[in-house]
């Protein structure tokens, strides 16, 4: 009789299928009490769980989980342990050897996912040499709503407020960055390569200080074999950037000014930094304002392409009151989207379909109404900052993906939301009339 252990092919299939209701239980059994990172497959090959924290993909890149599952699991484990202390290491760099300056977009007064990736990239540069640690200096303009900037990896914080920095004010912001350059001379300047202002400001800064910037950067590598004196960087860094309309990668020595793409690095999650406030030693000079911001141009949300929309109200098979949905989208001034089922049923046009088989979206807020969350749809919204789900089924994948979930009837929820918005706008109008 053979002593070989027999494998259960169904158990291995469940372990690979994360949507199966017994998926977590089977993973725990294969891992002997913990979620298994790898197991032996039926052909004798080791299989790896691609959904575990820190999974390294086939191209050697660590996967970044933006679904909220890791954060939810961490919060759940913390609740199970009781009032557990924060295990993140607190770091306060007294005398940094150099500075890495970061200018995040701070759209809406908050750090976007691309801003956090950029700060993670800055930490790679600052923490490369443990004997000569650097510090990350963040330059913020205008009011912001963040109270945990240290958790994003910031060591020094320069917060510049005033009306002259409000709106589109590249001349005033560039003058402030030049003051930072004169006072601290950062080793590198990092800005997001985005249409929200970072790409424009970064190119202006590079032209002013006489640097050839690296744009579309998505990865940094240390060139250990290169002569650091000839590498264009004191630390011998090389950067990979997208070129030729994103069809090829360009490798070059890392310059002082870097414009980075989203997912250029993993956000800071294991350390808590001091975020010490700093100030400029001299007052900013008065600049001749040749550009005047006339305010945002009113745009019909229905005419905004899904790929460019910042606020999307998307409908799925769970929507029964379509008239109420359209009214809610108009009241909220949201761009309309839809799942494939809603499009196939003829309720929405094909150009409104969201997902891997439709349009990939990067909205700041994505509201999914009556959408269960097929894998193709979840792929299409993976770059959205905040996802809100309105659904009856609390166990559907869209609710698991969402940052905020409302469990209930979609028609009643939208009607209540419309009533709240109408009441708020009426109060705002009465206040303006009284003034």
Protein backbone atom coordinates (compact mmCIF):
# COMPACT_ATOMS: atom_id res chain seq x y z
CA UNK A 1 0.00 0.00 0.00
CA UNK A 2 1.39 3.41 -0.97
CA UNK A 3 2.31 5.86 1.80
CA UNK A 4 1.71 8.91 -0.46
CA UNK A 5 -0.82 11.38 0.89
CA UNK A 6 -3.83 11.79 -1.36
CA UNK A 7 -4.80 15.30 -2.32
CA UNK A 8 -8.31 16.66 -2.37
CA UNK A 9 -8.66 18.44 -5.75
CA UNK A 10 -11.90 20.14 -4.65
CA UNK A 11 -10.18 21.60 -1.59
CA UNK A 12 -7.38 22.97 -3.77
CA UNK A 13 -9.95 24.46 -6.17
CA UNK A 14 -11.70 26.21 -3.27
CA UNK A 15 -8.34 27.55 -2.08
CA UNK A 16 -7.83 29.17 -5.48
CA UNK A 17 -11.37 30.55 -5.73
CA UNK A 18 -11.60 33.56 -3.39
CA UNK A 19 -15.33 33.94 -4.11
CA UNK A 20 -16.18 30.50 -2.71
CA UNK A 21 -17.92 30.72 0.72
CA UNK A 22 -15.45 28.18 2.17
CA UNK A 23 -12.39 29.93 0.75
CA UNK A 24 -11.04 31.31 4.06
CA UNK A 25 -11.74 28.08 5.95
CA UNK A 26 -9.88 25.97 3.39
CA UNK A 27 -6.95 28.39 3.34
CA UNK A 28 -6.74 28.14 7.12
CA UNK A 29 -6.78 24.32 6.93
CA UNK A 30 -4.03 24.26 4.33
CA UNK A 31 -2.02 26.69 6.44
CA UNK A 32 -2.67 24.74 9.66
CA UNK A 33 -4.57 27.50 11.39
CA UNK A 34 -3.46 30.53 9.38
CA UNK A 35 -4.19 31.72 5.88
CA UNK A 36 -1.81 29.73 3.69
CA UNK A 37 0.68 31.60 1.55
CA UNK A 38 1.46 28.57 -0.65
CA UNK A 39 0.53 24.92 -1.02
CA UNK A 40 1.40 21.92 -3.19
CA UNK A 41 -0.76 21.65 -6.31
CA UNK A 42 -2.03 18.46 -8.00
CA UNK A 43 0.88 18.47 -10.49
CA UNK A 44 3.50 18.73 -7.76
CA UNK A 45 4.03 22.47 -8.27
CA UNK A 46 3.86 24.97 -5.44
CA UNK A 47 0.90 27.34 -5.76
CA UNK A 48 0.97 30.80 -4.20
CA UNK A 49 -1.95 32.81 -2.87
CA UNK A 50 -1.96 36.08 -4.91
CA UNK A 51 -4.30 37.78 -2.41
CA UNK A 52 -2.03 37.57 0.60
CA UNK A 53 -0.32 40.68 1.96
CA UNK A 54 2.96 41.41 0.19
CA UNK A 55 2.50 38.99 -2.71
CA UNK A 56 5.29 39.37 -5.29
CA UNK A 57 3.89 39.26 -8.82
CA UNK A 58 5.41 37.50 -11.86
CA UNK A 59 7.41 40.61 -12.82
CA UNK A 60 8.99 40.99 -9.39
CA UNK A 61 6.66 43.80 -8.25
CA UNK A 62 4.88 43.74 -4.93
CA UNK A 63 1.13 43.91 -5.34
CA UNK A 64 -0.56 46.95 -3.77
CA UNK A 65 -3.99 46.16 -2.33
CA UNK A 66 -6.37 49.10 -2.83
CA UNK A 67 -9.51 47.10 -2.14
CA UNK A 68 -9.54 47.85 1.58
CA UNK A 69 -9.46 44.16 2.41
CA UNK A 70 -6.09 44.37 4.16
CA UNK A 71 -7.16 47.37 6.21
CA UNK A 72 -10.43 45.66 7.12
CA UNK A 73 -8.58 42.51 8.16
CA UNK A 74 -6.13 44.52 10.24
CA UNK A 75 -8.95 46.39 11.96
CA UNK A 76 -10.79 43.15 12.62
CA UNK A 77 -7.70 41.54 14.15
CA UNK A 78 -7.16 44.61 16.32
CA UNK A 79 -10.72 44.42 17.61
CA UNK A 80 -10.27 40.74 18.39
CA UNK A 81 -7.12 41.49 20.39
CA UNK A 82 -8.95 44.19 22.29
CA UNK A 83 -7.49 47.66 22.66
CA UNK A 84 -4.17 46.64 21.16
CA UNK A 85 -1.42 49.23 20.99
CA UNK A 86 -0.30 50.62 17.66
CA UNK A 87 2.60 48.42 16.56
CA UNK A 88 3.94 50.87 13.99
CA UNK A 89 7.43 52.13 14.70
CA UNK A 90 7.65 55.83 15.57
CA UNK A 91 10.47 57.59 13.76
CA UNK A 92 11.76 61.10 14.46
CA UNK A 93 14.86 62.10 12.50
CA UNK A 94 16.63 64.86 14.40
CA UNK A 95 19.39 65.83 11.96
CA UNK A 96 18.78 64.36 8.50
CA UNK A 97 21.71 64.05 6.13
CA UNK A 98 19.58 65.40 3.25
CA UNK A 99 15.98 66.20 2.35
CA UNK A 100 13.63 64.75 -0.23
CA UNK A 101 10.95 67.33 -1.05
CA UNK A 102 7.47 66.12 -2.02
CA UNK A 103 4.71 68.38 -3.39
CA UNK A 104 1.47 66.35 -3.33
CA UNK A 105 -1.61 67.40 -5.29
CA UNK A 106 -3.84 67.28 -2.17
CA UNK A 107 -6.97 67.32 -4.33
CA UNK A 108 -9.95 68.19 -2.17
CA UNK A 109 -7.63 68.84 0.77
CA UNK A 110 -6.70 65.17 1.18
CA UNK A 111 -3.85 62.93 0.13
CA UNK A 112 -4.85 60.94 -2.93
CA UNK A 113 -3.67 57.39 -3.55
CA UNK A 114 -1.08 58.77 -5.99
CA UNK A 115 0.14 61.22 -3.32
CA UNK A 116 0.63 58.36 -0.86
CA UNK A 117 2.48 56.33 -3.49
CA UNK A 118 4.71 59.34 -4.09
CA UNK A 119 5.51 59.59 -0.38
CA UNK A 120 6.36 55.89 -0.40
CA UNK A 121 8.79 56.58 -3.25
CA UNK A 122 10.32 59.43 -1.25
CA UNK A 123 10.88 57.11 1.67
CA UNK A 124 12.85 54.74 -0.57
CA UNK A 125 15.26 57.58 -1.30
CA UNK A 126 15.40 58.87 2.27
CA UNK A 127 15.86 55.45 3.93
CA UNK A 128 18.30 53.93 1.44
CA UNK A 129 21.37 54.45 3.66
CA UNK A 130 20.69 53.67 7.37
CA UNK A 131 23.95 55.39 8.34
CA UNK A 132 22.94 58.63 6.59
CA UNK A 133 19.16 58.78 6.91
CA UNK A 134 17.32 61.46 5.01
CA UNK A 135 14.03 63.16 5.79
CA UNK A 136 10.93 63.66 3.67
CA UNK A 137 9.81 67.30 3.46
CA UNK A 138 6.21 67.80 2.29
CA UNK A 139 5.14 71.17 0.90
CA UNK A 140 1.37 71.72 1.17
CA UNK A 141 -0.56 74.67 -0.26
CA UNK A 142 -3.86 75.96 1.12
CA UNK A 143 -6.17 74.30 3.61
CA UNK A 144 -6.13 70.54 4.07
CA UNK A 145 -8.20 67.98 5.98
CA UNK A 146 -5.46 65.48 6.89
CA UNK A 147 -4.61 64.92 10.55
CA UNK A 148 -2.37 61.85 10.14
CA UNK A 149 0.31 63.14 7.78
CA UNK A 150 3.03 61.45 9.79
CA UNK A 151 1.51 58.07 9.04
CA UNK A 152 1.99 58.77 5.33
CA UNK A 153 5.77 59.04 5.80
CA UNK A 154 6.33 62.81 6.30
CA UNK A 155 9.20 63.95 8.55
CA UNK A 156 9.02 67.73 7.94
CA UNK A 157 5.90 69.67 6.98
CA UNK A 158 5.85 73.10 5.33
CA UNK A 159 2.25 74.32 5.18
CA UNK A 160 1.74 77.49 3.13
CA UNK A 161 -1.65 79.14 3.42
CA UNK A 162 -3.14 82.25 1.86
CA UNK A 163 -5.44 83.37 -0.92
CA UNK A 164 -2.56 83.68 -3.35
CA UNK A 165 -2.12 79.88 -3.31
CA UNK A 166 -5.83 79.15 -3.83
CA UNK A 167 -7.02 77.69 -7.11
CA UNK A 168 -4.70 77.64 -10.10
CA UNK A 169 -1.73 79.76 -8.99
CA UNK A 170 1.42 78.25 -10.55
CA UNK A 171 3.45 81.48 -10.31
CA UNK A 172 2.91 81.92 -6.56
CA UNK A 173 3.52 78.22 -5.89
CA UNK A 174 6.65 78.18 -7.98
CA UNK A 175 7.99 81.19 -6.04
CA UNK A 176 7.39 79.26 -2.80
CA UNK A 177 9.18 76.18 -4.13
CA UNK A 178 12.15 78.32 -5.17
CA UNK A 179 12.28 79.67 -1.60
CA UNK A 180 12.41 76.08 -0.36
CA UNK A 181 15.18 75.37 -2.87
CA UNK A 182 17.25 78.29 -1.61
CA UNK A 183 16.76 77.50 2.07
CA UNK A 184 17.09 73.71 2.19
CA UNK A 185 18.39 72.61 -1.27
CA UNK A 186 16.59 69.23 -1.28
CA UNK A 187 18.44 66.34 -2.84
CA UNK A 188 15.38 65.45 -4.91
CA UNK A 189 12.04 67.00 -5.80
CA UNK A 190 9.13 64.58 -6.21
CA UNK A 191 5.79 65.61 -7.72
CA UNK A 192 2.87 63.56 -9.09
CA UNK A 193 2.73 63.32 -12.87
CA UNK A 194 -0.98 64.13 -12.92
CA UNK A 195 -3.38 66.54 -14.57
CA UNK A 196 -4.35 68.00 -11.17
CA UNK A 197 -1.42 70.42 -11.14
CA UNK A 198 1.59 68.31 -10.22
CA UNK A 199 2.74 67.72 -13.80
CA UNK A 200 2.51 71.43 -14.68
CA UNK A 201 4.20 72.64 -11.49
CA UNK A 202 6.96 70.03 -11.73
CA UNK A 203 7.91 71.06 -15.24
CA UNK A 204 7.94 74.73 -14.24
CA UNK A 205 10.21 73.92 -11.30
CA UNK A 206 12.60 71.88 -13.45
CA UNK A 207 12.89 74.71 -15.97
CA UNK A 208 13.55 77.25 -13.24
CA UNK A 209 16.36 75.30 -11.55
CA UNK A 210 17.83 74.09 -14.86
CA UNK A 211 17.10 70.37 -14.48
CA UNK A 212 15.94 67.86 -17.09
CA UNK A 213 13.06 66.16 -15.24
CA UNK A 214 12.17 62.49 -15.35
CA UNK A 215 8.47 62.18 -16.23
CA UNK A 216 6.20 59.16 -16.08
CA UNK A 217 8.42 57.47 -13.49
CA UNK A 218 7.02 54.23 -12.08
CA UNK A 219 10.01 52.52 -10.47
CA UNK A 220 13.40 53.26 -8.86
CA UNK A 221 16.42 50.95 -8.80
CA UNK A 222 19.88 51.25 -7.26
CA UNK A 223 22.61 50.96 -9.88
CA UNK A 224 25.27 49.38 -7.66
CA UNK A 225 27.73 48.72 -10.50
CA UNK A 226 27.65 52.27 -11.88
CA UNK A 227 30.07 55.03 -10.96
CA UNK A 228 27.96 57.29 -8.76
CA UNK A 229 29.88 60.35 -9.94
CA UNK A 230 28.79 59.63 -13.52
CA UNK A 231 25.33 58.32 -12.70
CA UNK A 232 23.83 61.76 -12.28
CA UNK A 233 22.87 61.02 -8.67
CA UNK A 234 24.87 60.94 -5.49
CA UNK A 235 23.31 57.61 -4.56
CA UNK A 236 23.55 55.93 -7.98
CA UNK A 237 19.79 55.68 -8.50
CA UNK A 238 18.22 54.69 -11.79
CA UNK A 239 14.59 55.32 -12.69
CA UNK A 240 12.21 53.57 -15.07
CA UNK A 241 9.77 55.86 -16.89
CA UNK A 242 6.98 55.31 -19.38
CA UNK A 243 7.70 56.65 -22.85
CA UNK A 244 6.34 56.57 -26.39
CA UNK A 245 2.74 57.03 -25.21
CA UNK A 246 3.19 54.30 -22.60
CA UNK A 247 4.42 51.65 -25.05
CA UNK A 248 8.01 51.41 -23.80
CA UNK A 249 10.12 51.90 -20.68
CA UNK A 250 13.01 54.34 -20.54
CA UNK A 251 15.82 53.87 -18.01
CA UNK A 252 17.96 56.83 -17.04
CA UNK A 253 19.91 58.18 -14.04
CA UNK A 254 17.63 59.72 -11.48
CA UNK A 255 17.60 63.53 -11.78
CA UNK A 256 16.70 65.98 -9.03
CA UNK A 257 13.17 66.59 -10.33
CA UNK A 258 10.94 63.51 -10.64
CA UNK A 259 7.34 63.35 -11.84
CA UNK A 260 5.96 59.96 -10.81
CA UNK A 261 2.91 57.96 -11.86
CA UNK A 262 0.40 56.26 -9.60
CA UNK A 263 1.58 52.97 -8.03
CA UNK A 264 5.22 54.05 -8.36
CA UNK A 265 5.83 52.63 -4.87
CA UNK A 266 3.98 51.07 -1.98
CA UNK A 267 2.45 53.57 0.47
CA UNK A 268 3.96 53.84 3.95
CA UNK A 269 2.11 51.56 6.37
CA UNK A 270 4.55 50.19 8.96
CA UNK A 271 6.05 53.40 10.39
CA UNK A 272 4.77 56.61 11.94
CA UNK A 273 6.85 59.73 11.31
CA UNK A 274 7.05 63.00 13.22
CA UNK A 275 5.74 65.43 10.56
CA UNK A 276 7.47 68.34 12.34
CA UNK A 277 6.22 71.74 11.15
CA UNK A 278 8.88 73.98 9.61
CA UNK A 279 8.78 77.55 8.29
CA UNK A 280 10.58 79.58 5.69
CA UNK A 281 13.25 81.84 7.15
CA UNK A 282 12.35 84.73 4.83
CA UNK A 283 9.06 86.12 3.62
CA UNK A 284 8.01 85.13 0.13
CA UNK A 285 8.61 87.80 -2.50
CA UNK A 286 5.69 89.42 -4.25
CA UNK A 287 5.11 87.90 -7.67
CA UNK A 288 3.61 89.56 -10.70
CA UNK A 289 0.42 87.62 -11.28
CA UNK A 290 0.10 87.16 -15.01
CA UNK A 291 -2.44 84.35 -14.58
CA UNK A 292 -5.83 84.93 -13.02
CA UNK A 293 -7.98 82.05 -11.83
CA UNK A 294 -11.56 82.73 -12.90
CA UNK A 295 -12.89 79.72 -11.02
CA UNK A 296 -14.14 76.36 -12.16
CA UNK A 297 -16.08 76.24 -15.42
CA UNK A 298 -19.55 74.76 -15.06
CA UNK A 299 -19.62 71.47 -16.95
CA UNK A 300 -22.57 69.19 -17.54
CA UNK A 301 -21.66 65.91 -15.78
CA UNK A 302 -23.49 63.98 -18.49
CA UNK A 303 -20.95 65.26 -21.01
CA UNK A 304 -17.89 64.18 -19.01
CA UNK A 305 -16.18 61.02 -20.22
CA UNK A 306 -16.15 58.21 -17.68
CA UNK A 307 -12.36 57.96 -17.79
CA UNK A 308 -12.08 61.64 -16.76
CA UNK A 309 -14.96 61.83 -14.24
CA UNK A 310 -14.17 62.49 -10.59
CA UNK A 311 -17.62 61.64 -9.18
CA UNK A 312 -19.54 58.71 -10.68
CA UNK A 313 -22.98 57.39 -9.73
CA UNK A 314 -23.11 53.92 -11.27
CA UNK A 315 -26.22 51.74 -11.58
CA UNK A 316 -26.55 47.99 -11.76
CA UNK A 317 -29.10 45.22 -11.86
CA UNK A 318 -30.39 46.16 -8.40
CA UNK A 319 -31.80 49.49 -9.61
CA UNK A 320 -35.55 49.25 -10.23
CA UNK A 321 -36.53 52.92 -10.16
CA UNK A 322 -34.52 54.29 -13.09
CA UNK A 323 -36.31 57.63 -13.05
CA UNK A 324 -35.22 58.09 -9.43
CA UNK A 325 -31.66 57.12 -10.33
CA UNK A 326 -31.44 59.72 -13.14
CA UNK A 327 -32.90 62.37 -10.86
CA UNK A 328 -30.36 61.53 -8.15
CA UNK A 329 -27.48 61.78 -10.65
CA UNK A 330 -28.66 65.21 -11.78
CA UNK A 331 -29.19 66.42 -8.21
CA UNK A 332 -25.76 65.20 -7.09
CA UNK A 333 -24.14 66.51 -10.31
CA UNK A 334 -22.54 63.11 -10.82
CA UNK A 335 -21.43 61.43 -14.02
CA UNK A 336 -23.58 58.41 -14.82
CA UNK A 337 -22.11 54.93 -15.08
CA UNK A 338 -23.48 51.42 -15.29
CA UNK A 339 -22.63 47.77 -14.94
CA UNK A 340 -22.61 45.43 -17.93
CA UNK A 341 -25.95 43.91 -16.92
CA UNK A 342 -27.67 47.31 -16.90
CA UNK A 343 -26.19 48.10 -20.33
CA UNK A 344 -27.14 44.72 -21.81
CA UNK A 345 -30.70 45.18 -20.55
CA UNK A 346 -30.92 48.48 -22.42
CA UNK A 347 -31.22 50.79 -19.41
CA UNK A 348 -27.94 52.63 -20.11
CA UNK A 349 -25.92 53.31 -23.27
CA UNK A 350 -22.82 51.25 -24.02
CA UNK A 351 -20.43 54.19 -23.51
CA UNK A 352 -21.51 54.35 -19.84
CA UNK A 353 -20.34 50.80 -19.04
CA UNK A 354 -17.71 50.59 -16.28
CA UNK A 355 -15.31 47.69 -15.95
CA UNK A 356 -12.62 45.69 -17.70
CA UNK A 357 -15.01 45.12 -20.63
CA UNK A 358 -16.05 48.80 -20.63
CA UNK A 359 -14.18 51.83 -19.28
CA UNK A 360 -11.54 51.82 -16.55
CA UNK A 361 -12.30 54.74 -14.24
CA UNK A 362 -10.18 56.72 -11.76
CA UNK A 363 -12.86 58.68 -9.94
CA UNK A 364 -12.23 60.24 -6.56
CA UNK A 365 -15.67 58.99 -5.45
CA UNK A 366 -17.45 56.04 -7.05
CA UNK A 367 -20.97 55.20 -5.86
CA UNK A 368 -22.16 51.74 -6.92
CA UNK A 369 -25.96 51.41 -6.71
CA UNK A 370 -27.30 47.88 -6.92
CA UNK A 371 -24.05 46.43 -8.30
CA UNK A 372 -23.00 43.04 -6.91
CA UNK A 373 -19.37 43.40 -8.01
CA UNK A 374 -18.34 41.05 -10.79
CA UNK A 375 -14.58 40.65 -11.11
CA UNK A 376 -14.53 42.62 -14.40
CA UNK A 377 -16.33 45.52 -12.74
CA UNK A 378 -14.01 45.50 -9.73
CA UNK A 379 -11.02 45.58 -12.06
CA UNK A 380 -12.40 48.67 -13.75
CA UNK A 381 -12.73 50.63 -10.47
CA UNK A 382 -9.51 49.53 -8.77
CA UNK A 383 -7.95 52.99 -9.17
CA UNK A 384 -10.87 54.88 -7.56
CA UNK A 385 -9.99 56.62 -4.29
CA UNK A 386 -13.27 56.07 -2.42
CA UNK A 387 -15.97 53.54 -3.24
CA UNK A 388 -19.48 53.68 -1.76
CA UNK A 389 -21.82 50.69 -2.20
CA UNK A 390 -25.62 50.77 -1.92
CA UNK A 391 -26.90 47.21 -1.88
CA UNK A 392 -29.27 44.80 -0.18
CA UNK A 393 -26.68 42.01 0.00
CA UNK A 394 -24.15 42.69 2.72
CA UNK A 395 -21.99 39.79 1.56
CA UNK A 396 -21.55 40.77 -2.09
CA UNK A 397 -18.09 41.59 -3.42
CA UNK A 398 -18.91 45.25 -4.03
CA UNK A 399 -19.73 45.73 -0.35
CA UNK A 400 -16.47 44.01 0.58
CA UNK A 401 -14.57 46.32 -1.76
CA UNK A 402 -16.35 49.49 -0.63
CA UNK A 403 -14.93 52.00 1.83
CA UNK A 404 -18.51 52.76 2.92
CA UNK A 405 -21.56 50.52 2.45
CA UNK A 406 -25.26 51.34 2.81
CA UNK A 407 -27.37 48.20 3.20
CA UNK A 408 -30.93 48.76 2.04
CA UNK A 409 -33.23 49.42 -0.86
CA UNK A 410 -31.48 51.49 -3.54
CA UNK A 411 -34.61 53.47 -4.49
CA UNK A 412 -35.33 54.52 -0.92
CA UNK A 413 -31.66 55.33 -0.27
CA UNK A 414 -31.38 57.53 -3.36
CA UNK A 415 -34.66 59.28 -2.57
CA UNK A 416 -33.47 60.04 0.97
CA UNK A 417 -30.14 61.30 -0.40
CA UNK A 418 -31.90 63.60 -2.88
CA UNK A 419 -34.08 64.99 -0.06
CA UNK A 420 -31.00 65.74 2.04
CA UNK A 421 -29.28 67.53 -0.83
CA UNK A 422 -32.38 69.60 -1.59
CA UNK A 423 -32.70 70.59 2.07
CA UNK A 424 -29.02 71.53 2.27
CA UNK A 425 -29.15 73.68 -0.86
CA UNK A 426 -32.30 75.40 0.33
CA UNK A 427 -30.59 76.28 3.62
CA UNK A 428 -27.56 77.59 1.73
CA UNK A 429 -29.79 79.77 -0.44
CA UNK A 430 -31.64 81.14 2.59
CA UNK A 431 -28.31 81.99 4.22
CA UNK A 432 -27.15 83.88 1.11
CA UNK A 433 -30.46 85.72 0.88
CA UNK A 434 -30.25 86.72 4.55
CA UNK A 435 -26.71 88.03 4.06
